[in-house]
Amino acid sequence: MNAPRKAGARTGRAPGLTELAAERASGALLCDAGTVYLQGGQVVHAESPVSPGVEVLLTTGGRLTADSWREAMGRAGPAGGVGRFLVDSGRLSGAELEICHLGALFDAAYFALGHGSGPRGFQRGAAHWLGPVRPVDAAAVERETRRRGELLAALWPYPRVDTEPVVRRRPDGRAPAVTPRQRAVLALADGVRTPARIARELGRPAFHTLIDIRRLAAAGHIATPRSTGPAAPPSSRPGVPGHPALPARPGARPPLPPGRGPTAAGFTDPDIDLLRRLRDALEATL
């Protein structure tokens, strides 16, 4: 369901969202980690393989049955009017659809536009099968994407927990108690499921799941993966879009391999207590 409903001509150079908004373009902006749909320069929808779509949020959350969703897709999907069909048929109220749509839009846009994901092309005239619901200003989408990235970094500055399989660990006695939402995440933390898979199985937005996972990691309930090599280049560093790489200092030694060096034996995990205090101080200023 991630493909545009109809494809237009693809430009030779991949424009950015700001450029497309300025020219009031309509179509699908194809990015490394998702697709952003525009109509008249405004964002009307977004999708990402990392983010559960509207259909997952509605069916897994119990608001719609799988049969109701399939009927809506079969009858209104080809014409790009699934959202309107769900409202007109009484399956959803207009407010329910709008809330779910905006949640899915901002969730997928965070992964499509952030996390080092760059534009690959633009399909002019492409439309989404959901149809128009609530357009959002492109500047607001970009602003929210940056805000979410900054929030995750403030909670726990280890972006690898966002993509690695989630592993439970035994926290110390001073760790805060988990919330019911976090308990549901921990129940699926089996060392195999990734955060994206956990979000999909719970029927929750992926970003909300990352918030829980970073907080759980900061508290010591979830293991923080160790770095296995030098930092990735800016174009592929998750959670740090456009972060410039520092030039190498003349005469500097190359980084030691994992598990080597004077600190390898004594520091296999981050200083949890120190980082927890830093986190609390940061949260107090938000």
C-alpha atoms as a PDB file:
ATOM      1  CA  MET A   1       0.000   0.000   0.000  1.00  0.00           C
ATOM      2  CA  ASN A   2       3.035   2.286  -0.095  1.00  0.00           C
ATOM      3  CA  ALA A   3       2.919   2.910  -3.852  1.00  0.00           C
ATOM      4  CA  PRO A   4       1.269   6.087  -5.166  1.00  0.00           C
ATOM      5  CA  ARG A   5      -2.190   5.567  -6.643  1.00  0.00           C
ATOM      6  CA  LYS A   6      -1.086   6.979  -9.984  1.00  0.00           C
ATOM      7  CA  ALA A   7       2.362   7.899 -11.213  1.00  0.00           C
ATOM      8  CA  GLY A   8       3.331  11.033 -13.047  1.00  0.00           C
ATOM      9  CA  ALA A   9       6.581  11.913 -14.745  1.00  0.00           C
ATOM     10  CA  ARG A  10       9.609  11.820 -12.451  1.00  0.00           C
ATOM     11  CA  THR A  11      11.938  14.801 -12.540  1.00  0.00           C
ATOM     12  CA  GLY A  12      15.619  14.342 -13.244  1.00  0.00           C
ATOM     13  CA  ARG A  13      16.675  16.006  -9.976  1.00  0.00           C
ATOM     14  CA  ALA A  14      15.051  15.185  -6.666  1.00  0.00           C
ATOM     15  CA  PRO A  15      13.618  18.401  -5.180  1.00  0.00           C
ATOM     16  CA  GLY A  16      13.157  18.929  -1.454  1.00  0.00           C
ATOM     17  CA  LEU A  17       9.922  19.503   0.424  1.00  0.00           C
ATOM     18  CA  THR A  18      10.532  23.240   0.841  1.00  0.00           C
ATOM     19  CA  GLU A  19      11.077  23.673  -2.886  1.00  0.00           C
ATOM     20  CA  LEU A  20       7.952  21.701  -3.757  1.00  0.00           C
ATOM     21  CA  ALA A  21       5.867  23.662  -1.275  1.00  0.00           C
ATOM     22  CA  ALA A  22       7.089  26.956  -2.747  1.00  0.00           C
ATOM     23  CA  GLU A  23       5.958  25.956  -6.232  1.00  0.00           C
ATOM     24  CA  ARG A  24       2.655  24.573  -4.887  1.00  0.00           C
ATOM     25  CA  ALA A  25       3.389  21.187  -6.397  1.00  0.00           C
ATOM     26  CA  SER A  26       1.107  18.153  -6.275  1.00  0.00           C
ATOM     27  CA  GLY A  27       2.449  14.607  -6.260  1.00  0.00           C
ATOM     28  CA  ALA A  28       4.556  12.145  -4.275  1.00  0.00           C
ATOM     29  CA  LEU A  29       7.981  13.025  -2.886  1.00  0.00           C
ATOM     30  CA  LEU A  30       9.882   9.727  -2.796  1.00  0.00           C
ATOM     31  CA  CYS A  31      12.443   9.571   0.012  1.00  0.00           C
ATOM     32  CA  ASP A  32      14.857   6.905   1.204  1.00  0.00           C
ATOM     33  CA  ALA A  33      12.629   5.981   4.153  1.00  0.00           C
ATOM     34  CA  GLY A  34       9.144   6.855   2.961  1.00  0.00           C
ATOM     35  CA  THR A  35       6.883   8.938   0.740  1.00  0.00           C
ATOM     36  CA  VAL A  36       5.335  12.350   1.347  1.00  0.00           C
ATOM     37  CA  TYR A  37       2.228  13.291  -0.660  1.00  0.00           C
ATOM     38  CA  LEU A  38       1.505  16.900  -1.550  1.00  0.00           C
ATOM     39  CA  GLN A  39      -1.460  18.736  -3.001  1.00  0.00           C
ATOM     40  CA  GLY A  40      -1.052  22.373  -3.943  1.00  0.00           C
ATOM     41  CA  GLY A  41       2.191  22.530  -1.943  1.00  0.00           C
ATOM     42  CA  GLN A  42       0.612  21.228   1.252  1.00  0.00           C
ATOM     43  CA  VAL A  43       1.284  17.836   2.792  1.00  0.00           C
ATOM     44  CA  VAL A  44      -1.797  15.626   2.591  1.00  0.00           C
ATOM     45  CA  HIS A  45      -0.314  12.288   3.675  1.00  0.00           C
ATOM     46  CA  ALA A  46       2.917  10.397   4.369  1.00  0.00           C
ATOM     47  CA  GLU A  47       3.924   6.755   4.505  1.00  0.00           C
ATOM     48  CA  SER A  48       7.006   4.888   5.698  1.00  0.00           C
ATOM     49  CA  PRO A  49       7.851   1.189   6.055  1.00  0.00           C
ATOM     50  CA  VAL A  50       8.912   2.002   9.624  1.00  0.00           C
ATOM     51  CA  SER A  51       5.595   3.596  10.564  1.00  0.00           C
ATOM     52  CA  PRO A  52       2.281   1.730  10.939  1.00  0.00           C
ATOM     53  CA  GLY A  53      -0.182   3.114   8.419  1.00  0.00           C
ATOM     54  CA  VAL A  54      -3.730   4.323   8.945  1.00  0.00           C
ATOM     55  CA  GLU A  55      -5.035   0.822   8.291  1.00  0.00           C
ATOM     56  CA  VAL A  56      -2.880  -0.665  11.072  1.00  0.00           C
ATOM     57  CA  LEU A  57      -3.812   2.034  13.573  1.00  0.00           C
ATOM     58  CA  LEU A  58      -7.522   1.552  12.880  1.00  0.00           C
ATOM     59  CA  THR A  59      -7.680  -2.243  12.667  1.00  0.00           C
ATOM     60  CA  THR A  60      -5.118  -3.278  15.289  1.00  0.00           C
ATOM     61  CA  GLY A  61      -6.516  -0.628  17.601  1.00  0.00           C
ATOM     62  CA  GLY A  62      -9.951  -2.232  17.217  1.00  0.00           C
ATOM     63  CA  ARG A  63     -11.745   0.732  15.659  1.00  0.00           C
ATOM     64  CA  LEU A  64     -12.346  -1.089  12.363  1.00  0.00           C
ATOM     65  CA  THR A  65     -12.481  -4.756  11.474  1.00  0.00           C
ATOM     66  CA  ALA A  66     -10.179  -6.109   8.804  1.00  0.00           C
ATOM     67  CA  ASP A  67     -13.233  -6.892   6.653  1.00  0.00           C
ATOM     68  CA  SER A  68     -14.463  -3.295   6.893  1.00  0.00           C
ATOM     69  CA  TRP A  69     -11.066  -2.026   5.832  1.00  0.00           C
ATOM     70  CA  ARG A  70     -10.857  -4.394   2.890  1.00  0.00           C
ATOM     71  CA  GLU A  71     -14.313  -3.333   1.745  1.00  0.00           C
ATOM     72  CA  ALA A  72     -13.351   0.335   1.897  1.00  0.00           C
ATOM     73  CA  MET A  73     -10.163  -0.293  -0.072  1.00  0.00           C
ATOM     74  CA  GLY A  74     -11.978  -2.364  -2.679  1.00  0.00           C
ATOM     75  CA  ARG A  75     -14.795   0.110  -3.231  1.00  0.00           C
ATOM     76  CA  ALA A  76     -13.022   3.455  -2.854  1.00  0.00           C
ATOM     77  CA  GLY A  77      -9.287   2.781  -3.101  1.00  0.00           C
ATOM     78  CA  PRO A  78      -8.953   2.968  -6.907  1.00  0.00           C
ATOM     79  CA  ALA A  79     -10.687   6.367  -6.906  1.00  0.00           C
ATOM     80  CA  GLY A  80      -8.617   7.712  -4.029  1.00  0.00           C
ATOM     81  CA  GLY A  81     -11.573   8.161  -1.685  1.00  0.00           C
ATOM     82  CA  VAL A  82     -11.126   5.642   1.146  1.00  0.00           C
ATOM     83  CA  GLY A  83     -11.325   8.294   3.851  1.00  0.00           C
ATOM     84  CA  ARG A  84     -14.538   9.796   2.510  1.00  0.00           C
ATOM     85  CA  PHE A  85     -16.060   6.320   2.134  1.00  0.00           C
ATOM     86  CA  LEU A  86     -15.340   5.455   5.775  1.00  0.00           C
ATOM     87  CA  VAL A  87     -17.063   8.630   6.940  1.00  0.00           C
ATOM     88  CA  ASP A  88     -20.028   8.522   4.532  1.00  0.00           C
ATOM     89  CA  SER A  89     -20.705   4.863   5.375  1.00  0.00           C
ATOM     90  CA  GLY A  90     -20.771   5.623   9.105  1.00  0.00           C
ATOM     91  CA  ARG A  91     -17.753   3.487   9.968  1.00  0.00           C
ATOM     92  CA  LEU A  92     -15.822   6.497  11.284  1.00  0.00           C
ATOM     93  CA  SER A  93     -16.716  10.022  12.281  1.00  0.00           C
ATOM     94  CA  GLY A  94     -14.977  12.886  10.537  1.00  0.00           C
ATOM     95  CA  ALA A  95     -13.110  13.743  13.749  1.00  0.00           C
ATOM     96  CA  GLU A  96     -11.917  10.156  14.225  1.00  0.00           C
ATOM     97  CA  LEU A  97     -10.580  10.012  10.684  1.00  0.00           C
ATOM     98  CA  GLU A  98      -8.834  13.383  11.017  1.00  0.00           C
ATOM     99  CA  ILE A  99      -7.132  12.470  14.295  1.00  0.00           C
ATOM    100  CA  CYS A 100      -5.936   9.114  12.965  1.00  0.00           C
ATOM    101  CA  HIS A 101      -4.814  10.646   9.676  1.00  0.00           C
ATOM    102  CA  LEU A 102      -2.796  13.432  11.303  1.00  0.00           C
ATOM    103  CA  GLY A 103      -1.175  10.970  13.693  1.00  0.00           C
ATOM    104  CA  ALA A 104      -0.136   8.702  10.837  1.00  0.00           C
ATOM    105  CA  LEU A 105       1.009  11.650   8.699  1.00  0.00           C
ATOM    106  CA  PHE A 106       3.351  13.172  11.284  1.00  0.00           C
ATOM    107  CA  ASP A 107       4.583   9.734  12.333  1.00  0.00           C
ATOM    108  CA  ALA A 108       5.576   8.659   8.831  1.00  0.00           C
ATOM    109  CA  ALA A 109       6.902  12.111   7.914  1.00  0.00           C
ATOM    110  CA  TYR A 110       9.393  11.918  10.785  1.00  0.00           C
ATOM    111  CA  PHE A 111      11.005   8.857   9.222  1.00  0.00           C
ATOM    112  CA  ALA A 112      10.634   9.947   5.586  1.00  0.00           C
ATOM    113  CA  LEU A 113      12.127  13.414   6.130  1.00  0.00           C
ATOM    114  CA  GLY A 114      14.459  12.747   9.067  1.00  0.00           C
ATOM    115  CA  HIS A 115      16.749   9.893  10.103  1.00  0.00           C
ATOM    116  CA  GLY A 116      19.171  10.754   7.304  1.00  0.00           C
ATOM    117  CA  SER A 117      16.499  10.020   4.695  1.00  0.00           C
ATOM    118  CA  GLY A 118      16.938  12.126   1.566  1.00  0.00           C
ATOM    119  CA  PRO A 119      14.673  12.734  -1.457  1.00  0.00           C
ATOM    120  CA  ARG A 120      15.074  10.348  -4.394  1.00  0.00           C
ATOM    121  CA  GLY A 121      12.537  11.729  -6.823  1.00  0.00           C
ATOM    122  CA  PHE A 122       9.149  13.333  -7.302  1.00  0.00           C
ATOM    123  CA  GLN A 123       6.148  11.843  -9.105  1.00  0.00           C
ATOM    124  CA  ARG A 124       4.028  14.747 -10.260  1.00  0.00           C
ATOM    125  CA  GLY A 125       0.311  14.178 -10.102  1.00  0.00           C
ATOM    126  CA  ALA A 126       0.548  11.065  -7.928  1.00  0.00           C
ATOM    127  CA  ALA A 127      -2.213  10.807  -5.332  1.00  0.00           C
ATOM    128  CA  HIS A 128      -2.819   8.687  -2.248  1.00  0.00           C
ATOM    129  CA  TRP A 129      -5.655   6.187  -1.986  1.00  0.00           C
ATOM    130  CA  LEU A 130      -6.889   7.696   1.305  1.00  0.00           C
ATOM    131  CA  GLY A 131      -7.948  10.924  -0.388  1.00  0.00           C
ATOM    132  CA  PRO A 132      -7.951  14.437   1.063  1.00  0.00           C
ATOM    133  CA  VAL A 133      -8.536  14.673   4.807  1.00  0.00           C
ATOM    134  CA  ARG A 134      -6.641  17.537   6.474  1.00  0.00           C
ATOM    135  CA  PRO A 135      -3.795  19.237   4.564  1.00  0.00           C
ATOM    136  CA  VAL A 136      -0.840  20.403   6.653  1.00  0.00           C
ATOM    137  CA  ASP A 137       1.567  23.215   5.872  1.00  0.00           C
ATOM    138  CA  ALA A 138       4.927  21.822   4.735  1.00  0.00           C
ATOM    139  CA  ALA A 139       6.836  24.118   7.098  1.00  0.00           C
ATOM    140  CA  ALA A 140       4.838  22.730  10.034  1.00  0.00           C
ATOM    141  CA  VAL A 141       5.716  19.166   9.012  1.00  0.00           C
ATOM    142  CA  GLU A 142       9.423  19.977   8.783  1.00  0.00           C
ATOM    143  CA  ARG A 143       9.325  21.836  12.094  1.00  0.00           C
ATOM    144  CA  GLU A 144       7.639  18.910  13.843  1.00  0.00           C
ATOM    145  CA  THR A 145      10.138  16.479  12.329  1.00  0.00           C
ATOM    146  CA  ARG A 146      13.019  18.476  13.814  1.00  0.00           C
ATOM    147  CA  ARG A 147      11.269  18.778  17.170  1.00  0.00           C
ATOM    148  CA  ARG A 148      10.787  15.017  17.403  1.00  0.00           C
ATOM    149  CA  GLY A 149      14.420  14.342  16.622  1.00  0.00           C
ATOM    150  CA  GLU A 150      15.533  16.795  19.306  1.00  0.00           C
ATOM    151  CA  LEU A 151      13.159  15.246  21.830  1.00  0.00           C
ATOM    152  CA  LEU A 152      14.534  11.747  21.262  1.00  0.00           C
ATOM    153  CA  ALA A 153      18.098  12.993  21.597  1.00  0.00           C
ATOM    154  CA  ALA A 154      17.224  14.740  24.866  1.00  0.00           C
ATOM    155  CA  LEU A 155      15.618  11.609  26.298  1.00  0.00           C
ATOM    156  CA  TRP A 156      18.507   9.228  25.488  1.00  0.00           C
ATOM    157  CA  PRO A 157      21.202  10.139  22.933  1.00  0.00           C
ATOM    158  CA  TYR A 158      21.696   6.631  21.547  1.00  0.00           C
ATOM    159  CA  PRO A 159      19.796   6.350  18.232  1.00  0.00           C
ATOM    160  CA  ARG A 160      20.714   2.692  17.714  1.00  0.00           C
ATOM    161  CA  VAL A 161      18.016   1.707  20.201  1.00  0.00           C
ATOM    162  CA  ASP A 162      15.528   2.917  17.548  1.00  0.00           C
ATOM    163  CA  THR A 163      16.474   0.229  15.044  1.00  0.00           C
ATOM    164  CA  GLU A 164      18.095  -2.689  16.887  1.00  0.00           C
ATOM    165  CA  PRO A 165      16.112  -5.624  18.348  1.00  0.00           C
ATOM    166  CA  VAL A 166      14.839  -4.650  21.783  1.00  0.00           C
ATOM    167  CA  VAL A 167      16.488  -6.552  24.636  1.00  0.00           C
ATOM    168  CA  ARG A 168      15.227  -6.426  28.218  1.00  0.00           C
ATOM    169  CA  ARG A 169      17.699  -6.080  31.037  1.00  0.00           C
ATOM    170  CA  ARG A 170      17.456  -6.147  34.823  1.00  0.00           C
ATOM    171  CA  PRO A 171      17.546  -2.548  36.093  1.00  0.00           C
ATOM    172  CA  ASP A 172      18.988  -1.457  39.403  1.00  0.00           C
ATOM    173  CA  GLY A 173      16.779  -0.818  42.404  1.00  0.00           C
ATOM    174  CA  ARG A 174      16.626   2.915  41.736  1.00  0.00           C
ATOM    175  CA  ALA A 175      15.054   2.613  38.283  1.00  0.00           C
ATOM    176  CA  PRO A 176      11.625   4.251  38.003  1.00  0.00           C
ATOM    177  CA  ALA A 177       8.574   2.017  37.717  1.00  0.00           C
ATOM    178  CA  VAL A 178       7.270   1.402  34.202  1.00  0.00           C
ATOM    179  CA  THR A 179       3.946   2.785  33.012  1.00  0.00           C
ATOM    180  CA  PRO A 180       1.200   0.569  31.547  1.00  0.00           C
ATOM    181  CA  ARG A 181       2.179   1.736  28.046  1.00  0.00           C
ATOM    182  CA  GLN A 182       5.814   0.884  28.664  1.00  0.00           C
ATOM    183  CA  ARG A 183       4.844  -2.465  30.152  1.00  0.00           C
ATOM    184  CA  ALA A 184       3.184  -3.418  26.866  1.00  0.00           C
ATOM    185  CA  VAL A 185       6.415  -2.574  25.032  1.00  0.00           C
ATOM    186  CA  LEU A 186       8.504  -4.606  27.457  1.00  0.00           C
ATOM    187  CA  ALA A 187       6.196  -7.588  27.008  1.00  0.00           C
ATOM    188  CA  LEU A 188       7.286  -7.747  23.351  1.00  0.00           C
ATOM    189  CA  ALA A 189      10.982  -7.065  23.992  1.00  0.00           C
ATOM    190  CA  ASP A 190      12.306 -10.528  23.189  1.00  0.00           C
ATOM    191  CA  GLY A 191      15.641  -9.660  21.581  1.00  0.00           C
ATOM    192  CA  VAL A 192      14.171 -10.321  18.129  1.00  0.00           C
ATOM    193  CA  ARG A 193      11.491  -7.695  17.621  1.00  0.00           C
ATOM    194  CA  THR A 194      12.631  -4.250  16.519  1.00  0.00           C
ATOM    195  CA  PRO A 195      10.893  -1.054  17.667  1.00  0.00           C
ATOM    196  CA  ALA A 196       9.110  -0.827  14.303  1.00  0.00           C
ATOM    197  CA  ARG A 197       7.738  -4.336  14.676  1.00  0.00           C
ATOM    198  CA  ILE A 198       6.645  -3.676  18.252  1.00  0.00           C
ATOM    199  CA  ALA A 199       4.807  -0.531  17.154  1.00  0.00           C
ATOM    200  CA  ARG A 200       3.030  -2.439  14.396  1.00  0.00           C
ATOM    201  CA  GLU A 201       1.995  -5.292  16.684  1.00  0.00           C
ATOM    202  CA  LEU A 202       0.684  -2.854  19.286  1.00  0.00           C
ATOM    203  CA  GLY A 203      -1.063  -0.708  16.671  1.00  0.00           C
ATOM    204  CA  ARG A 204       0.714   2.422  17.886  1.00  0.00           C
ATOM    205  CA  PRO A 205       2.593   5.182  16.048  1.00  0.00           C
ATOM    206  CA  ALA A 206       6.259   4.280  15.681  1.00  0.00           C
ATOM    207  CA  PHE A 207       7.507   7.569  17.129  1.00  0.00           C
ATOM    208  CA  HIS A 208       5.452   7.117  20.298  1.00  0.00           C
ATOM    209  CA  THR A 209       6.992   3.672  20.649  1.00  0.00           C
ATOM    210  CA  LEU A 210      10.482   5.157  20.265  1.00  0.00           C
ATOM    211  CA  ILE A 211       9.698   7.581  23.090  1.00  0.00           C
ATOM    212  CA  ASP A 212       8.845   4.655  25.354  1.00  0.00           C
ATOM    213  CA  ILE A 213      11.908   2.694  24.267  1.00  0.00           C
ATOM    214  CA  ARG A 214      14.330   5.570  24.824  1.00  0.00           C
ATOM    215  CA  ARG A 215      12.875   6.234  28.262  1.00  0.00           C
ATOM    216  CA  LEU A 216      13.084   2.554  29.130  1.00  0.00           C
ATOM    217  CA  ALA A 217      16.684   2.448  27.926  1.00  0.00           C
ATOM    218  CA  ALA A 218      17.543   5.546  29.956  1.00  0.00           C
ATOM    219  CA  ALA A 219      16.044   3.912  33.037  1.00  0.00           C
ATOM    220  CA  GLY A 220      17.941   0.678  32.454  1.00  0.00           C
ATOM    221  CA  HIS A 221      14.956  -1.526  31.580  1.00  0.00           C
ATOM    222  CA  ILE A 222      16.215  -1.988  27.999  1.00  0.00           C
ATOM    223  CA  ALA A 223      19.779  -2.624  26.858  1.00  0.00           C
ATOM    224  CA  THR A 224      21.514   0.105  24.892  1.00  0.00           C
ATOM    225  CA  PRO A 225      23.408  -1.427  21.933  1.00  0.00           C
ATOM    226  CA  ARG A 226      27.128  -0.798  21.881  1.00  0.00           C
ATOM    227  CA  SER A 227      28.686   0.902  18.916  1.00  0.00           C
ATOM    228  CA  THR A 228      30.288  -1.613  16.573  1.00  0.00           C
ATOM    229  CA  GLY A 229      32.286   0.790  14.450  1.00  0.00           C
ATOM    230  CA  PRO A 230      32.924   4.422  13.563  1.00  0.00           C
ATOM    231  CA  ALA A 231      29.978   6.770  13.140  1.00  0.00           C
ATOM    232  CA  ALA A 232      28.108   6.554   9.865  1.00  0.00           C
ATOM    233  CA  PRO A 233      28.387   9.398   7.337  1.00  0.00           C
ATOM    234  CA  PRO A 234      25.824  12.246   7.645  1.00  0.00           C
ATOM    235  CA  SER A 235      23.603  10.891   4.846  1.00  0.00           C
ATOM    236  CA  SER A 236      22.962   7.643   6.706  1.00  0.00           C
ATOM    237  CA  ARG A 237      23.128   8.562  10.392  1.00  0.00           C
ATOM    238  CA  PRO A 238      19.701   7.794  11.881  1.00  0.00           C
ATOM    239  CA  GLY A 239      18.168  10.529  13.980  1.00  0.00           C
ATOM    240  CA  VAL A 240      20.752  13.205  12.975  1.00  0.00           C
ATOM    241  CA  PRO A 241      19.609  14.608   9.610  1.00  0.00           C
ATOM    242  CA  GLY A 242      22.298  16.669   7.922  1.00  0.00           C
ATOM    243  CA  HIS A 243      24.722  16.409  10.827  1.00  0.00           C
ATOM    244  CA  PRO A 244      28.140  17.533   9.505  1.00  0.00           C
ATOM    245  CA  ALA A 245      31.098  15.223   9.927  1.00  0.00           C
ATOM    246  CA  LEU A 246      34.057  16.747  11.739  1.00  0.00           C
ATOM    247  CA  PRO A 247      37.318  16.720   9.761  1.00  0.00           C
ATOM    248  CA  ALA A 248      40.005  14.373  11.005  1.00  0.00           C
ATOM    249  CA  ARG A 249      42.650  16.026  13.171  1.00  0.00           C
ATOM    250  CA  PRO A 250      46.082  15.880  11.527  1.00  0.00           C
ATOM    251  CA  GLY A 251      48.078  13.026  13.017  1.00  0.00           C
ATOM    252  CA  ALA A 252      45.052  11.527  14.766  1.00  0.00           C
ATOM    253  CA  ARG A 253      45.004   7.762  15.175  1.00  0.00           C
ATOM    254  CA  PRO A 254      42.254   5.751  13.519  1.00  0.00           C
ATOM    255  CA  PRO A 255      39.464   4.559  15.842  1.00  0.00           C
ATOM    256  CA  LEU A 256      40.163   1.344  17.726  1.00  0.00           C
ATOM    257  CA  PRO A 257      38.049  -1.690  16.881  1.00  0.00           C
ATOM    258  CA  PRO A 258      35.208  -2.613  19.261  1.00  0.00           C
ATOM    259  CA  GLY A 259      36.343  -4.124  22.537  1.00  0.00           C
ATOM    260  CA  ARG A 260      39.853  -2.643  22.299  1.00  0.00           C
ATOM    261  CA  GLY A 261      41.518   0.238  24.132  1.00  0.00           C
ATOM    262  CA  PRO A 262      41.992   1.299  27.754  1.00  0.00           C
ATOM    263  CA  THR A 263      38.281   1.750  28.504  1.00  0.00           C
ATOM    264  CA  ALA A 264      37.004  -1.431  26.875  1.00  0.00           C
ATOM    265  CA  ALA A 265      37.193  -3.643  29.958  1.00  0.00           C
ATOM    266  CA  GLY A 266      35.581  -1.274  32.439  1.00  0.00           C
ATOM    267  CA  PHE A 267      32.894   0.484  30.366  1.00  0.00           C
ATOM    268  CA  THR A 268      30.726  -1.960  28.483  1.00  0.00           C
ATOM    269  CA  ASP A 269      27.571   0.161  29.056  1.00  0.00           C
ATOM    270  CA  PRO A 270      26.897   3.912  29.326  1.00  0.00           C
ATOM    271  CA  ASP A 271      27.032   5.503  32.785  1.00  0.00           C
ATOM    272  CA  ILE A 272      23.327   5.018  33.506  1.00  0.00           C
ATOM    273  CA  ASP A 273      23.229   7.104  36.694  1.00  0.00           C
ATOM    274  CA  LEU A 274      24.955  10.083  35.109  1.00  0.00           C
ATOM    275  CA  LEU A 275      22.823   9.999  31.976  1.00  0.00           C
ATOM    276  CA  ARG A 276      19.649   9.606  34.039  1.00  0.00           C
ATOM    277  CA  ARG A 277      20.511  12.770  35.977  1.00  0.00           C
ATOM    278  CA  LEU A 278      21.231  14.621  32.732  1.00  0.00           C
ATOM    279  CA  ARG A 279      17.935  13.398  31.305  1.00  0.00           C
ATOM    280  CA  ASP A 280      16.001  14.591  34.372  1.00  0.00           C
ATOM    281  CA  ALA A 281      17.651  17.996  34.145  1.00  0.00           C
ATOM    282  CA  LEU A 282      16.812  18.308  30.461  1.00  0.00           C
ATOM    283  CA  GLU A 283      13.211  17.229  30.957  1.00  0.00           C
ATOM    284  CA  ALA A 284      12.815  19.807  33.719  1.00  0.00           C
ATOM    285  CA  THR A 285      13.619  22.555  31.207  1.00  0.00           C
ATOM    286  CA  LEU A 286      11.213  21.320  28.487  1.00  0.00           C
END
